């Protein structure tokens, strides 16, 4: 069983997420294309929107399913009175949202390993898994409007960042009457993208960079290759860095643009996104001419690593515009 990865909904640098997001987007696009060709698509029964999950089925029922639709996890126990109040609300909302997410119910008494892996300290606790990535939603009872707001944000992020538009629900279908949509053919660049991922897994960052460039040479608009290349190049740059040396150089030479860029790269890989962006915006404000252009262009490259829809990118773009104009 694969242990879930923690992630914020706005996304930190995570190479596994690049692969998962690309696969999810490709599957969603292929499913839509297949549905258009056949005049319809696969559907599930309403009862399939709420499922009981255990440790044995977690990878199949949650991780794999999360590449097609967001999976909301309700951690509960029979003795938990607040759980008995929250669970019916989540089940009703799962049916109301009509396939935009699936609710997985996990009994913590019977699945303590999953409870430990998610770091559950108390129940009820609600998490989501999107494209194989786990993120906390809320703990304890919450007002229904707050729950709806959280779910709305979840499905919006799933659609915008991962291309997950949900699954089709047949309101009249009984369990066993519905069939999954036929598998769509592999995309033309799947083999090259898989080669890039394998190179990353093997630590061959140079090979991954070249593999992504090969895809982009043939398909310049390929989203997965663009994001994968940006992240692989970033990791390649920081691979042999001595963090303590890099940070000392930046502290000793605050006007050295290369030193500031190098620390920003290091911060981004470490998940300190705001620190990286803030450092470069500040450097832009203190430089001019070619130095300013160098820092500005590098900052724009880092925006691509995180993704244009990330709120941290939006905030940094605003700050950058403020110092430039």
Protein backbone atom coordinates (compact mmCIF):
# COMPACT_ATOMS: atom_id res chain seq x y z
CA UNK A 1 0.00 0.00 0.00
CA UNK A 2 1.32 3.40 -0.95
CA UNK A 3 1.54 5.91 1.85
CA UNK A 4 -0.33 9.12 1.05
CA UNK A 5 1.67 12.26 0.48
CA UNK A 6 0.87 15.48 2.28
CA UNK A 7 0.32 18.55 0.18
CA UNK A 8 -1.32 21.92 0.42
CA UNK A 9 -4.21 22.48 -1.92
CA UNK A 10 -2.27 25.18 -3.74
CA UNK A 11 0.59 22.78 -4.46
CA UNK A 12 4.25 22.64 -3.55
CA UNK A 13 6.99 21.21 -5.73
CA UNK A 14 6.24 17.52 -5.97
CA UNK A 15 7.48 15.48 -8.93
CA UNK A 16 5.02 12.70 -8.19
CA UNK A 17 2.29 15.32 -8.44
CA UNK A 18 3.53 16.31 -11.89
CA UNK A 19 3.09 12.76 -13.08
CA UNK A 20 -0.26 12.32 -11.35
CA UNK A 21 -1.60 15.63 -12.61
CA UNK A 22 -0.57 14.85 -16.16
CA UNK A 23 -2.10 11.39 -16.02
CA UNK A 24 -5.29 12.76 -14.51
CA UNK A 25 -5.62 15.47 -17.14
CA UNK A 26 -4.93 12.99 -19.92
CA UNK A 27 -7.53 10.56 -18.58
CA UNK A 28 -10.11 13.29 -18.24
CA UNK A 29 -9.51 14.53 -21.76
CA UNK A 30 -9.58 10.99 -23.18
CA UNK A 31 -12.79 10.18 -21.31
CA UNK A 32 -14.48 13.31 -22.66
CA UNK A 33 -13.33 12.49 -26.18
CA UNK A 34 -14.54 8.92 -25.92
CA UNK A 35 -17.89 10.05 -24.52
CA UNK A 36 -18.30 12.47 -27.42
CA UNK A 37 -17.56 9.72 -29.96
CA UNK A 38 -19.91 7.20 -28.38
CA UNK A 39 -22.69 9.62 -27.54
CA UNK A 40 -22.27 9.08 -23.83
CA UNK A 41 -19.83 7.83 -21.25
CA UNK A 42 -19.47 5.42 -18.39
CA UNK A 43 -21.65 6.07 -15.39
CA UNK A 44 -21.88 4.97 -11.79
CA UNK A 45 -24.88 4.41 -9.60
CA UNK A 46 -25.68 6.97 -6.88
CA UNK A 47 -24.77 4.41 -4.21
CA UNK A 48 -21.21 4.32 -5.60
CA UNK A 49 -20.65 7.90 -4.47
CA UNK A 50 -20.27 6.78 -0.84
CA UNK A 51 -17.99 3.82 -0.16
CA UNK A 52 -16.46 2.07 2.82
CA UNK A 53 -12.68 1.73 2.50
CA UNK A 54 -10.18 -0.36 4.43
CA UNK A 55 -6.39 -0.69 4.35
CA UNK A 56 -6.45 -3.51 1.83
CA UNK A 57 -8.49 -1.53 -0.69
CA UNK A 58 -7.04 1.92 -0.05
CA UNK A 59 -4.77 2.04 -3.08
CA UNK A 60 -7.48 0.84 -5.46
CA UNK A 61 -10.48 2.64 -3.96
CA UNK A 62 -8.79 5.93 -3.03
CA UNK A 63 -5.40 6.49 -4.67
CA UNK A 64 -6.27 5.07 -8.08
CA UNK A 65 -9.78 6.51 -8.07
CA UNK A 66 -8.38 9.95 -7.21
CA UNK A 67 -6.86 10.18 -10.70
CA UNK A 68 -10.44 10.33 -12.03
CA UNK A 69 -12.36 12.19 -9.33
CA UNK A 70 -11.52 13.87 -5.99
CA UNK A 71 -11.95 11.46 -3.08
CA UNK A 72 -13.06 12.96 0.24
CA UNK A 73 -12.17 10.78 3.24
CA UNK A 74 -14.31 10.73 6.36
CA UNK A 75 -12.34 9.26 9.28
CA UNK A 76 -14.88 8.07 11.87
CA UNK A 77 -15.56 5.52 14.60
CA UNK A 78 -18.70 3.95 16.00
CA UNK A 79 -18.14 5.44 19.47
CA UNK A 80 -17.66 8.99 18.11
CA UNK A 81 -20.86 11.03 18.61
CA UNK A 82 -19.68 14.04 16.50
CA UNK A 83 -18.93 11.57 13.70
CA UNK A 84 -22.56 10.45 13.77
CA UNK A 85 -23.59 14.05 13.17
CA UNK A 86 -21.04 14.84 10.46
CA UNK A 87 -21.14 11.64 8.39
CA UNK A 88 -24.79 11.97 7.26
CA UNK A 89 -24.08 15.54 6.11
CA UNK A 90 -21.09 14.42 4.05
CA UNK A 91 -23.06 11.51 2.58
CA UNK A 92 -25.92 13.80 1.58
CA UNK A 93 -23.52 16.31 0.01
CA UNK A 94 -21.75 13.54 -1.91
CA UNK A 95 -25.06 12.66 -3.55
CA UNK A 96 -25.96 16.32 -4.05
CA UNK A 97 -22.64 17.11 -5.76
CA UNK A 98 -23.56 14.29 -8.15
CA UNK A 99 -20.16 12.87 -9.03
CA UNK A 100 -17.92 15.87 -8.49
CA UNK A 101 -16.36 13.96 -5.60
CA UNK A 102 -16.58 10.51 -4.04
CA UNK A 103 -16.86 10.03 -0.26
CA UNK A 104 -14.69 7.29 1.27
CA UNK A 105 -15.55 6.33 4.86
CA UNK A 106 -12.71 4.88 6.96
CA UNK A 107 -13.35 3.37 10.39
CA UNK A 108 -10.24 4.29 12.39
CA UNK A 109 -10.75 1.45 14.86
CA UNK A 110 -10.43 -1.11 12.09
CA UNK A 111 -7.81 0.78 10.06
CA UNK A 112 -5.34 2.24 12.52
CA UNK A 113 -2.45 2.13 10.04
CA UNK A 114 -4.29 4.57 7.77
CA UNK A 115 -5.05 6.75 10.79
CA UNK A 116 -1.32 6.87 11.59
CA UNK A 117 -0.29 7.55 7.99
CA UNK A 118 -2.60 10.54 7.78
CA UNK A 119 -1.48 11.79 11.19
CA UNK A 120 -5.01 11.78 12.60
CA UNK A 121 -5.02 13.20 16.13
CA UNK A 122 -8.77 13.26 16.66
CA UNK A 123 -12.01 12.45 14.88
CA UNK A 124 -14.03 13.27 12.97
CA UNK A 125 -11.31 14.26 10.54
CA UNK A 126 -11.86 14.95 6.85
CA UNK A 127 -9.17 14.73 4.20
CA UNK A 128 -9.17 14.67 0.41
CA UNK A 129 -7.00 12.85 -2.10
CA UNK A 130 -6.59 14.45 -5.53
CA UNK A 131 -4.43 12.82 -8.22
CA UNK A 132 -2.76 10.66 -5.56
CA UNK A 133 -2.02 13.53 -3.19
CA UNK A 134 -3.49 13.84 0.30
CA UNK A 135 -4.53 17.14 1.85
CA UNK A 136 -6.37 17.98 5.07
CA UNK A 137 -9.76 19.66 4.80
CA UNK A 138 -11.00 20.08 8.39
CA UNK A 139 -11.22 18.35 11.75
CA UNK A 140 -14.22 18.14 14.05
CA UNK A 141 -17.75 19.31 13.39
CA UNK A 142 -18.19 22.24 11.03
CA UNK A 143 -21.23 24.23 9.90
CA UNK A 144 -22.68 23.00 6.62
CA UNK A 145 -21.99 26.31 4.80
CA UNK A 146 -18.31 25.98 5.75
CA UNK A 147 -18.25 22.37 4.55
CA UNK A 148 -19.84 23.40 1.26
CA UNK A 149 -17.28 26.17 0.82
CA UNK A 150 -14.44 23.72 1.39
CA UNK A 151 -15.91 21.23 -1.06
CA UNK A 152 -16.46 23.95 -3.66
CA UNK A 153 -12.81 24.93 -3.38
CA UNK A 154 -11.75 21.29 -3.62
CA UNK A 155 -13.67 20.57 -6.82
CA UNK A 156 -12.49 23.87 -8.34
CA UNK A 157 -8.84 23.07 -7.66
CA UNK A 158 -9.31 19.50 -8.92
CA UNK A 159 -10.73 20.78 -12.19
CA UNK A 160 -8.38 23.71 -12.78
CA UNK A 161 -5.10 22.11 -11.71
CA UNK A 162 -5.72 18.45 -12.56
CA UNK A 163 -8.49 18.43 -15.16
CA UNK A 164 -10.78 16.33 -12.94
CA UNK A 165 -14.36 17.26 -13.79
CA UNK A 166 -15.94 14.39 -11.88
CA UNK A 167 -17.71 11.20 -12.88
CA UNK A 168 -21.07 10.62 -14.53
CA UNK A 169 -23.89 9.42 -12.30
CA UNK A 170 -26.87 7.49 -13.65
CA UNK A 171 -29.69 8.34 -11.24
CA UNK A 172 -31.79 5.40 -12.48
CA UNK A 173 -29.04 2.80 -12.47
CA UNK A 174 -28.84 0.00 -9.96
CA UNK A 175 -25.51 -1.37 -8.76
CA UNK A 176 -24.15 -3.77 -11.35
CA UNK A 177 -26.15 -2.20 -14.20
CA UNK A 178 -23.56 0.40 -15.16
CA UNK A 179 -20.40 -0.10 -17.13
CA UNK A 180 -17.21 1.88 -17.13
CA UNK A 181 -16.32 3.89 -20.17
CA UNK A 182 -14.03 2.05 -22.56
CA UNK A 183 -10.36 2.83 -22.18
CA UNK A 184 -9.13 5.53 -24.50
CA UNK A 185 -6.04 4.97 -26.61
CA UNK A 186 -2.69 6.08 -25.28
CA UNK A 187 -1.61 9.58 -26.14
CA UNK A 188 1.13 10.13 -28.73
CA UNK A 189 3.69 11.28 -26.14
CA UNK A 190 2.91 8.85 -23.34
CA UNK A 191 6.07 6.80 -23.91
CA UNK A 192 8.32 9.87 -23.89
CA UNK A 193 6.64 11.29 -20.78
CA UNK A 194 6.98 7.93 -19.04
CA UNK A 195 10.67 7.90 -19.98
CA UNK A 196 11.04 11.30 -18.33
CA UNK A 197 9.35 10.06 -15.16
CA UNK A 198 11.54 6.95 -15.10
CA UNK A 199 14.62 9.13 -15.45
CA UNK A 200 13.44 11.24 -12.51
CA UNK A 201 12.82 8.13 -10.42
CA UNK A 202 16.34 6.95 -11.22
CA UNK A 203 17.85 10.30 -10.26
CA UNK A 204 18.87 11.01 -13.87
CA UNK A 205 17.77 14.64 -13.91
CA UNK A 206 19.69 15.42 -17.09
CA UNK A 207 17.94 12.57 -18.85
CA UNK A 208 14.58 13.78 -17.59
CA UNK A 209 15.26 17.29 -18.85
CA UNK A 210 16.13 15.95 -22.30
CA UNK A 211 13.08 13.67 -22.40
CA UNK A 212 10.74 16.56 -21.61
CA UNK A 213 12.48 18.71 -24.23
CA UNK A 214 11.92 15.94 -26.79
CA UNK A 215 8.18 16.05 -26.13
CA UNK A 216 8.06 19.85 -26.33
CA UNK A 217 9.98 19.86 -29.59
CA UNK A 218 7.08 17.94 -31.14
CA UNK A 219 4.26 19.38 -29.01
CA UNK A 220 5.19 22.85 -27.63
CA UNK A 221 1.89 23.18 -25.79
CA UNK A 222 2.11 19.93 -23.81
CA UNK A 223 1.20 20.98 -20.25
CA UNK A 224 2.73 18.01 -18.46
CA UNK A 225 6.02 18.34 -20.36
CA UNK A 226 6.22 22.09 -19.65
CA UNK A 227 5.69 21.62 -15.93
CA UNK A 228 7.90 18.56 -15.79
CA UNK A 229 10.74 20.34 -17.60
CA UNK A 230 10.54 23.37 -15.31
CA UNK A 231 10.69 21.21 -12.20
CA UNK A 232 13.37 18.85 -13.54
CA UNK A 233 15.58 21.82 -14.48
CA UNK A 234 15.06 23.30 -11.04
CA UNK A 235 16.05 20.07 -9.29
CA UNK A 236 19.00 19.69 -11.64
CA UNK A 237 20.26 23.13 -10.63
CA UNK A 238 20.09 22.44 -6.88
CA UNK A 239 21.25 18.83 -7.02
CA UNK A 240 24.84 19.46 -5.96
CA UNK A 241 24.32 22.58 -3.85
CA UNK A 242 25.72 22.89 -0.35
CA UNK A 243 22.82 24.68 1.34
CA UNK A 244 24.90 26.26 4.10
CA UNK A 245 27.46 27.64 1.63
CA UNK A 246 24.75 28.95 -0.69
CA UNK A 247 22.90 30.72 2.10
CA UNK A 248 26.09 32.27 3.51
CA UNK A 249 27.05 33.63 0.10
CA UNK A 250 23.61 35.17 -0.32
CA UNK A 251 23.77 36.73 3.14
CA UNK A 252 27.29 38.09 2.56
CA UNK A 253 26.45 39.43 -0.91
CA UNK A 254 22.89 40.75 -0.91
CA UNK A 255 23.46 42.53 -4.22
CA UNK A 256 24.78 39.42 -6.00
CA UNK A 257 21.82 38.42 -8.19
CA UNK A 258 23.14 34.91 -8.88
CA UNK A 259 23.52 34.26 -5.16
CA UNK A 260 19.94 35.40 -4.52
CA UNK A 261 18.62 33.32 -7.42
CA UNK A 262 20.42 30.24 -6.14
CA UNK A 263 18.93 30.55 -2.66
CA UNK A 264 15.48 31.11 -4.16
CA UNK A 265 15.84 27.85 -6.09
CA UNK A 266 16.83 26.08 -2.89
CA UNK A 267 13.88 27.55 -1.01
CA UNK A 268 11.41 26.53 -3.69
CA UNK A 269 12.59 22.92 -3.73
CA UNK A 270 12.28 22.90 0.04
CA UNK A 271 8.66 24.03 -0.21
CA UNK A 272 9.32 27.60 1.02
CA UNK A 273 7.51 29.11 -1.94
CA UNK A 274 6.68 32.50 -0.45
CA UNK A 275 10.28 32.94 0.77
CA UNK A 276 11.64 32.20 -2.70
CA UNK A 277 9.25 34.58 -4.43
CA UNK A 278 9.71 37.31 -1.81
CA UNK A 279 13.51 37.15 -2.09
CA UNK A 280 13.43 37.59 -5.86
CA UNK A 281 10.82 40.35 -5.81
CA UNK A 282 12.98 42.18 -3.28
CA UNK A 283 16.06 41.64 -5.47
CA UNK A 284 14.19 43.04 -8.49
CA UNK A 285 13.35 46.13 -6.45
CA UNK A 286 17.04 46.71 -5.63
CA UNK A 287 18.52 46.12 -9.10
CA UNK A 288 18.41 47.70 -12.53
CA UNK A 289 19.25 47.01 -16.15
CA UNK A 290 20.48 43.53 -17.09
CA UNK A 291 20.60 42.35 -13.47
CA UNK A 292 16.96 43.26 -12.97
CA UNK A 293 15.95 41.46 -16.16
CA UNK A 294 17.88 38.35 -15.10
CA UNK A 295 16.08 38.16 -11.76
CA UNK A 296 12.69 39.01 -13.24
CA UNK A 297 12.93 36.32 -15.91
CA UNK A 298 14.06 33.75 -13.37
CA UNK A 299 11.12 34.61 -11.14
CA UNK A 300 8.77 34.09 -14.08
CA UNK A 301 10.33 30.65 -14.61
CA UNK A 302 9.65 29.77 -10.98
CA UNK A 303 6.04 30.86 -11.43
CA UNK A 304 5.78 28.18 -14.12
CA UNK A 305 7.13 25.57 -11.69
CA UNK A 306 4.35 26.22 -9.20
CA UNK A 307 1.60 26.94 -11.72
CA UNK A 308 -0.12 30.14 -12.85
CA UNK A 309 -3.32 29.51 -10.86
CA UNK A 310 -1.57 29.14 -7.51
CA UNK A 311 -2.55 32.02 -5.16
CA UNK A 312 1.09 32.42 -4.13
CA UNK A 313 1.97 33.06 -7.76
CA UNK A 314 -0.87 35.56 -8.07
CA UNK A 315 0.34 37.42 -4.98
CA UNK A 316 3.94 37.43 -6.18
CA UNK A 317 2.93 38.69 -9.63
CA UNK A 318 1.13 41.59 -7.95
CA UNK A 319 4.18 42.35 -5.82
CA UNK A 320 6.45 42.14 -8.87
CA UNK A 321 4.25 44.54 -10.82
CA UNK A 322 4.33 46.94 -7.89
CA UNK A 323 8.14 47.13 -7.86
CA UNK A 324 8.43 47.27 -11.64
CA UNK A 325 5.84 49.97 -12.27
